[in-house]
Amino acid sequence: MSGAGPRENIFPTRMALTNTKLRLKGAQTGHSLLAKKRDALTTRFRAILRRVDEAKRKMGRVMQLASFSLAEVTYATGDISYLVQEQAKSASFKVKAKQENVSGVVLPAFEVDRVPGSDFNLTGLGRGGQQVLRAKEVYAKAVETLVDLASLQTAFMILDEVIRATNRRVNAIEHVVIPRLENTIKYITSELDEMDREEFFRLKKVQGKKKRDAEAADALKKLQDEAEITASPPNLAGGGGDLLGSKDEDVIF
């Protein structure tokens, strides 16, 4: 039977067939758009994944150098944590957030804004000044790398969730919505064809009955005409002609 799969419970009419075809066209268009969106997001996701891997490797190297530079400062000047806490008046780094639109998905991006000037000009003045400056630059680089990694990791997690949701929608449209609509169209088409065949058969029966009735009426009329001809009396004056105008040869006047 046509449309034997899952279909919508709908009354088979030509209007329903037209509406279902329009819905199928919309579902196919939506599937195409979502597939393109999924491909674009997947491409961006893979690019971000590569950048995340590079940023993590870079972060490991930078933090290693930062740990070595802090060890050098501690060896050269001793513990300077209290001096740093006393001289820290304002933030040396500010993080700015912006948004990036990728195929309708808003991805946050963070940027580091380094404030010019320094609050640690006197730190390491007695000894270990070069080590303190080197440690400061290395940790500044570590902060920038950390912010970059945070931006990439946030975009990575958002894209992962969006790609999963988009894949679910694409699969639902491809394997559920479109087959259901196609089965509904097949069902409506088969029912309409069956109705057309029934109507054609009914019209043939009606036409045949009308033809038989017409033939029976003609036969009955013919019989009635024949009966009337048989029952009518013969015309006696039909063969007399004109008596005055005719002459008899045996009569002589």
Protein backbone atom coordinates (compact mmCIF):
# COMPACT_ATOMS: atom_id res chain seq x y z
CA MET A 1 0.00 0.00 0.00
CA SER A 2 1.31 3.47 -0.85
CA GLY A 3 2.22 5.60 2.15
CA ALA A 4 2.40 2.57 4.46
CA GLY A 5 5.09 4.21 6.64
CA PRO A 6 4.52 6.80 9.36
CA ARG A 7 2.31 9.57 8.09
CA GLU A 8 0.11 12.36 9.35
CA ASN A 9 -3.53 11.74 10.17
CA ILE A 10 -5.12 13.92 7.52
CA PHE A 11 -8.22 13.79 5.34
CA PRO A 12 -7.21 13.18 1.71
CA THR A 13 -8.20 16.22 -0.32
CA ARG A 14 -6.51 18.18 -3.08
CA MET A 15 -6.10 21.17 -0.78
CA ALA A 16 -4.43 18.96 1.83
CA LEU A 17 -2.17 17.58 -0.91
CA THR A 18 -1.14 21.11 -1.96
CA ASN A 19 -0.48 22.18 1.63
CA THR A 20 1.54 19.03 2.34
CA LYS A 21 3.65 19.59 -0.77
CA LEU A 22 4.35 23.16 0.37
CA ARG A 23 5.34 21.88 3.81
CA LEU A 24 7.61 19.30 2.23
CA LYS A 25 9.26 22.01 0.14
CA GLY A 26 9.77 24.11 3.26
CA ALA A 27 11.21 21.15 5.16
CA GLN A 28 13.65 20.41 2.34
CA THR A 29 14.72 24.07 2.21
CA GLY A 30 15.16 24.15 5.98
CA HIS A 31 17.17 20.94 5.86
CA SER A 32 19.46 22.42 3.21
CA LEU A 33 19.98 25.63 5.19
CA LEU A 34 20.63 23.77 8.44
CA ALA A 35 23.08 21.44 6.68
CA LYS A 36 24.98 24.46 5.33
CA LYS A 37 24.97 26.03 8.78
CA ARG A 38 26.25 22.80 10.29
CA ASP A 39 29.06 22.61 7.75
CA ALA A 40 30.07 26.23 8.40
CA LEU A 41 30.02 25.72 12.16
CA THR A 42 31.98 22.49 11.85
CA THR A 43 34.64 24.22 9.77
CA ARG A 44 34.95 26.99 12.34
CA PHE A 45 34.90 24.42 15.15
CA ARG A 46 37.85 22.55 13.66
CA ALA A 47 39.79 25.77 13.19
CA ILE A 48 39.14 26.75 16.82
CA LEU A 49 40.11 23.26 17.95
CA ARG A 50 43.50 23.63 16.26
CA ARG A 51 43.97 27.05 17.82
CA VAL A 52 43.00 25.70 21.25
CA ASP A 53 45.61 22.97 20.94
CA GLU A 54 48.26 25.50 19.93
CA ALA A 55 47.22 27.89 22.73
CA LYS A 56 47.42 25.12 25.34
CA ARG A 57 50.87 24.13 24.19
CA LYS A 58 51.94 27.76 24.21
CA MET A 59 50.41 28.23 27.65
CA GLY A 60 52.44 25.32 28.97
CA ARG A 61 55.68 26.79 27.65
CA VAL A 62 54.87 30.30 28.89
CA MET A 63 53.94 29.11 32.38
CA GLN A 64 57.13 27.10 32.52
CA LEU A 65 59.17 30.20 31.69
CA ALA A 66 57.11 32.21 34.20
CA SER A 67 57.84 29.69 36.94
CA PHE A 68 61.57 29.83 36.14
CA SER A 69 61.56 33.64 36.10
CA LEU A 70 59.75 33.74 39.46
CA ALA A 71 62.32 31.32 40.87
CA GLU A 72 65.09 33.62 39.62
CA VAL A 73 63.43 36.64 41.26
CA THR A 74 63.03 34.76 44.52
CA TYR A 75 66.68 33.66 44.40
CA ALA A 76 67.96 37.15 43.57
CA THR A 77 65.74 39.38 45.76
CA GLY A 78 63.94 37.08 48.13
CA ASP A 79 60.19 37.19 48.71
CA ILE A 80 58.75 40.32 47.07
CA SER A 81 55.07 39.41 47.32
CA TYR A 82 54.46 41.99 50.05
CA LEU A 83 56.10 44.74 47.93
CA VAL A 84 53.92 43.83 44.95
CA GLN A 85 50.78 43.92 47.08
CA GLU A 86 51.67 47.31 48.52
CA GLN A 87 52.51 48.92 45.17
CA ALA A 88 49.55 47.52 43.21
CA LYS A 89 47.18 50.46 42.91
CA SER A 90 45.29 49.75 39.68
CA ALA A 91 44.91 46.92 37.21
CA SER A 92 47.68 46.62 34.66
CA PHE A 93 45.50 44.53 32.34
CA LYS A 94 41.90 44.96 31.32
CA VAL A 95 39.90 42.40 29.40
CA LYS A 96 37.51 43.63 26.71
CA ALA A 97 34.72 41.42 25.46
CA LYS A 98 33.26 41.55 21.97
CA GLN A 99 30.93 39.35 19.97
CA GLU A 100 31.42 37.56 16.69
CA ASN A 101 28.56 36.20 14.59
CA VAL A 102 29.21 32.87 12.87
CA SER A 103 26.21 31.59 10.88
CA GLY A 104 23.78 33.06 13.38
CA VAL A 105 25.74 31.89 16.44
CA VAL A 106 27.13 34.62 18.68
CA LEU A 107 30.63 33.77 19.92
CA PRO A 108 32.29 35.85 22.63
CA ALA A 109 35.85 37.01 22.07
CA PHE A 110 38.13 38.47 24.74
CA GLU A 111 40.96 40.90 24.16
CA VAL A 112 43.65 42.10 26.54
CA ASP A 113 44.08 45.84 26.96
CA ARG A 114 47.39 46.55 28.66
CA VAL A 115 47.36 49.78 30.64
CA PRO A 116 50.52 51.85 30.03
CA GLY A 117 52.74 52.65 32.98
CA SER A 118 53.84 50.50 35.86
CA ASP A 119 53.29 50.42 39.61
CA PHE A 120 56.45 48.41 40.27
CA ASN A 121 59.15 50.87 39.30
CA LEU A 122 60.87 50.59 42.67
CA THR A 123 60.65 46.84 42.98
CA GLY A 124 64.08 45.24 42.68
CA LEU A 125 65.85 48.59 42.88
CA GLY A 126 68.42 47.26 45.32
CA ARG A 127 69.06 43.95 43.60
CA GLY A 128 67.47 41.67 41.06
CA GLY A 129 65.96 44.42 38.93
CA GLN A 130 66.55 42.60 35.64
CA GLN A 131 65.01 39.42 36.98
CA VAL A 132 61.94 41.34 38.18
CA LEU A 133 61.46 43.02 34.77
CA ARG A 134 61.92 39.71 32.99
CA ALA A 135 59.40 38.02 35.29
CA LYS A 136 56.96 40.88 34.73
CA GLU A 137 57.15 40.54 30.95
CA VAL A 138 56.86 36.78 31.06
CA TYR A 139 53.80 36.90 33.30
CA ALA A 140 52.26 39.58 31.11
CA LYS A 141 52.70 37.24 28.16
CA ALA A 142 51.16 34.46 30.25
CA VAL A 143 48.11 36.62 31.00
CA GLU A 144 47.63 37.42 27.32
CA THR A 145 47.94 33.75 26.40
CA LEU A 146 45.51 32.80 29.17
CA VAL A 147 42.90 35.31 27.95
CA ASP A 148 43.32 34.08 24.37
CA LEU A 149 42.90 30.50 25.56
CA ALA A 150 39.80 31.43 27.57
CA SER A 151 38.26 33.07 24.49
CA LEU A 152 38.98 30.04 22.32
CA GLN A 153 37.76 27.59 24.96
CA THR A 154 34.49 29.50 25.42
CA ALA A 155 33.87 29.61 21.67
CA PHE A 156 34.77 25.91 21.49
CA MET A 157 32.18 24.94 24.11
CA ILE A 158 29.45 27.11 22.57
CA LEU A 159 30.09 25.73 19.08
CA ASP A 160 30.08 22.19 20.42
CA GLU A 161 26.60 22.63 21.90
CA VAL A 162 25.25 24.45 18.83
CA ILE A 163 26.63 21.82 16.43
CA ARG A 164 25.03 19.05 18.46
CA ALA A 165 21.66 20.83 18.45
CA THR A 166 21.96 21.53 14.72
CA ASN A 167 22.83 17.90 14.02
CA ARG A 168 19.77 16.78 15.96
CA ARG A 169 17.58 19.13 13.94
CA VAL A 170 19.09 18.03 10.63
CA ASN A 171 18.66 14.36 11.51
CA ALA A 172 15.10 14.93 12.71
CA ILE A 173 14.13 16.70 9.49
CA GLU A 174 15.95 14.19 7.29
CA HIS A 175 14.78 10.98 8.98
CA VAL A 176 11.44 11.94 10.55
CA VAL A 177 9.79 15.04 9.09
CA ILE A 178 10.58 14.59 5.38
CA PRO A 179 9.71 10.82 5.27
CA ARG A 180 6.48 11.49 7.16
CA LEU A 181 5.46 14.22 4.72
CA GLU A 182 6.44 12.07 1.72
CA ASN A 183 4.36 9.17 3.06
CA THR A 184 1.46 11.56 3.63
CA ILE A 185 1.72 12.80 0.03
CA LYS A 186 1.79 9.21 -1.25
CA TYR A 187 -1.24 8.35 0.87
CA ILE A 188 -3.24 11.39 -0.30
CA THR A 189 -2.25 10.75 -3.93
CA SER A 190 -3.27 7.10 -3.75
CA GLU A 191 -6.59 7.98 -2.10
CA LEU A 192 -7.33 10.66 -4.69
CA ASP A 193 -6.50 8.23 -7.50
CA GLU A 194 -8.82 5.69 -5.92
CA MET A 195 -11.55 8.32 -5.69
CA ASP A 196 -11.01 9.21 -9.36
CA ARG A 197 -11.28 5.55 -10.35
CA GLU A 198 -14.43 5.16 -8.30
CA GLU A 199 -15.91 8.29 -9.86
CA PHE A 200 -15.01 7.09 -13.35
CA PHE A 201 -16.58 3.68 -12.65
CA ARG A 202 -19.69 5.36 -11.24
CA LEU A 203 -19.99 7.63 -14.29
CA LYS A 204 -19.64 4.61 -16.60
CA LYS A 205 -22.38 2.80 -14.69
CA VAL A 206 -24.64 5.85 -14.80
CA GLN A 207 -23.98 6.33 -18.51
CA GLY A 208 -24.63 2.66 -19.19
CA LYS A 209 -27.88 2.77 -17.23
CA LYS A 210 -29.00 5.88 -19.11
CA LYS A 211 -28.18 4.18 -22.41
CA ARG A 212 -30.12 1.06 -21.44
CA ASP A 213 -33.05 3.18 -20.26
CA ALA A 214 -33.00 5.10 -23.56
CA GLU A 215 -32.93 1.87 -25.57
CA ALA A 216 -35.76 0.43 -23.50
CA ALA A 217 -37.78 3.62 -24.00
CA ASP A 218 -37.16 3.51 -27.76
CA ALA A 219 -38.18 -0.14 -27.92
CA LEU A 220 -41.33 0.55 -25.91
CA LYS A 221 -42.22 3.48 -28.14
CA LYS A 222 -41.69 1.34 -31.23
CA LEU A 223 -43.94 -1.36 -29.85
CA GLN A 224 -46.58 1.20 -29.02
CA ASP A 225 -46.39 2.65 -32.54
CA GLU A 226 -46.74 -0.81 -34.07
CA ALA A 227 -49.71 -1.57 -31.79
CA GLU A 228 -51.44 1.64 -32.82
CA ILE A 229 -50.95 0.87 -36.53
CA THR A 230 -52.33 -2.64 -36.12
CA ALA A 231 -55.40 -1.48 -34.16
CA SER A 232 -56.42 1.34 -36.59
CA PRO A 233 -59.52 0.50 -39.04
CA PRO A 234 -58.94 0.25 -42.82
CA ASN A 235 -59.70 3.29 -45.03
CA LEU A 236 -62.75 2.27 -47.22
CA ALA A 237 -62.78 5.45 -49.28
CA GLY A 238 -59.21 5.23 -50.02
CA GLY A 239 -59.53 3.32 -53.36
CA GLY A 240 -62.93 4.81 -54.71
CA GLY A 241 -61.52 7.89 -56.30
CA ASP A 242 -63.85 10.38 -58.00
CA LEU A 243 -67.13 8.70 -58.96
CA LEU A 244 -68.34 11.54 -61.18
CA GLY A 245 -65.13 11.85 -63.07
CA SER A 246 -64.79 8.14 -63.79
CA LYS A 247 -66.45 6.44 -66.78
CA ASP A 248 -67.63 2.92 -67.06
CA GLU A 249 -67.08 1.37 -70.52
CA ASP A 250 -70.15 -0.89 -70.27
CA VAL A 251 -72.57 2.01 -69.73
CA ILE A 252 -73.60 3.82 -72.88
CA PHE A 253 -75.51 7.05 -72.67
